């Protein structure tokens, strides 16, 4: 199962300060009317100065584009962000933006770490990792790729816009301006792709074909476009007169059929013109710095400090173990699996069931609402089986999960909702936001934590919560993890080790035997070439969580409490795993210190 959330570059979950890759703009003043107080108020304590520095980083990150602002805060006026232009921002970082990131990094290092609170130290460490990774990305100009058929910006954008909250008349006006700005923004993306072409870094022909097909599918039946058909219902959120509603409805249809769809048409034609200029039909390692870039990208997205070799070897061992589990099945096991029929069929009933059951192993979830929606038919072929939209930090009570009915026959809806809803993405997101973290934490994320958590709870708890008999739980968990690990090993093999289709087939036969042929291997191969590293946050993140739990169990023994272990992870929030491990070790140190004190007193 592929990634089930909106891609990082356009959504509220930003990988390691990805929002800083926008254009440099003047930073809006804080609502207090004061400028950057870090240097103007020397009487402040180090902790107070650090809070103001974090506010400055937060406002800078969200001043780059209107969509990131929309998906991060519901009320920008409360954060001094009223003046952000209604545009997509700049696709390529400007020198000024890069300089600002370096400036933030320099200023961050001036704070006396020991004078910060525990929470601030965690934020400091997370910022430091994010800034250093952003600066490290300068070594790979033109290696980033924003376009792909499933997780590319052009594939994610319609769903993001369909969920753009229209809470007020101003929101509607900004939304319409954003639609009109798509032509300019896609023009920048196309210009970037032309630069990649000239540098010999353009995508393979089959990747072009997939993106063009996705664009052309979206361009069909403009009258039925999701951004037109959903608009009237979305307008009900805002307090508008009937005349204003009619006027905005007309403007929306004109903007969608005009500049917005024109942007997709121009992008499609532009990519067709560049087709054939890609010099590398294989994985990233076929490019001059491709192998190094892949390692950088995996480290950034997974939040793991493991080397690629270590990841590959560990995944192979786990794959072997899961395949052995499947090979050891008895006739009784298979019969139990085949006879299982789900008791619940409606998404809402499944989510309620999981909310009740998860409290055996997890803290009680915060009271929030959620809606389950269907993916628009025009996007069904190109969007993941399901995804969850992270809510604004000041409006996390309202949540949305999308289900792609194209996958209804092959998708296990209960465990999919365990991944997307409870105890997965929705639960993790709202639990963290309910702790009222520093706002800057909302523009810092780690896909390995986020996707690793959802995969971990799906496999460790989702199958069991579903009511399956124990043999079915073992079978389907092993099958699910084996599939993810297989894809991850292929990803590494193609993009880091340089496998071609024949080598990919050779490996896949060790997993699937004669049931896989060259066509099947080619599908695997093309998938990881088009979207390299996409599956790694799921499998590496899951691996990291399992190892952290195993280490905690070994150290604490009978004192280990899984609910409190999960509480600490959820309260810490998305961070690289080295930082999460540090938090867990501090927690265990406190527990063992308490035990020793009790023994001494006795």
Foldseek 3Di string as FASTA:
>chain_A
DFAFAADQLQALAHQLLSLLQFEFDPQFAFLVNDHQCLPVCVVDFLQVSLLSLLLSSLRRSLLAEDRNVQFAAVDCSNSRNPPRALEGGAPGYDPVSLVVLVVSLVVLVVRDLVRHDPQSNLVSVLNNVSSVLVNVCVVPPLQDDQDFLARHPVLRVLVSLLPRQCQEPVSLVSSLVHLLNLLVRLVNNLVSQVVCLVVLNHAAQVRLVSRLVLLVLQLPPLVPRSQLVSVLVSNVNYDDDPVSSVVSSVSSSCSCNPRNNVSSVVNNVSSVVSHPSRPDHFAQVVDPCSQVVLQSVLCSQQLEPDGLVVLLVVLVVLLVVLLVLQVPDDPVLVVLQVPDDFPDDDLVVLLVLLQVPCVVQAPRFDQADEDEEEDDPSSLVRYDQKHWHQHHLVRLRYTYIYGRCVCVVVDPSNLVCCLHPPPAQSRLRRLQSVVVRSSSVSNYFHNLQRLQRSLQCSLVPRLVSRVRPPSNSSNVSSVVSSVLSLLLSLLCCTHNVNDDLVVQVVVVCVPVNPVDDSVNSVVSRVVCRSPRPSSSSHNSSNVLVVVLLVVLCVVCPPNDRSHVVNSQSSNSHGGRSVSSSVSVVVVVVVVVVVVVVVVVVD
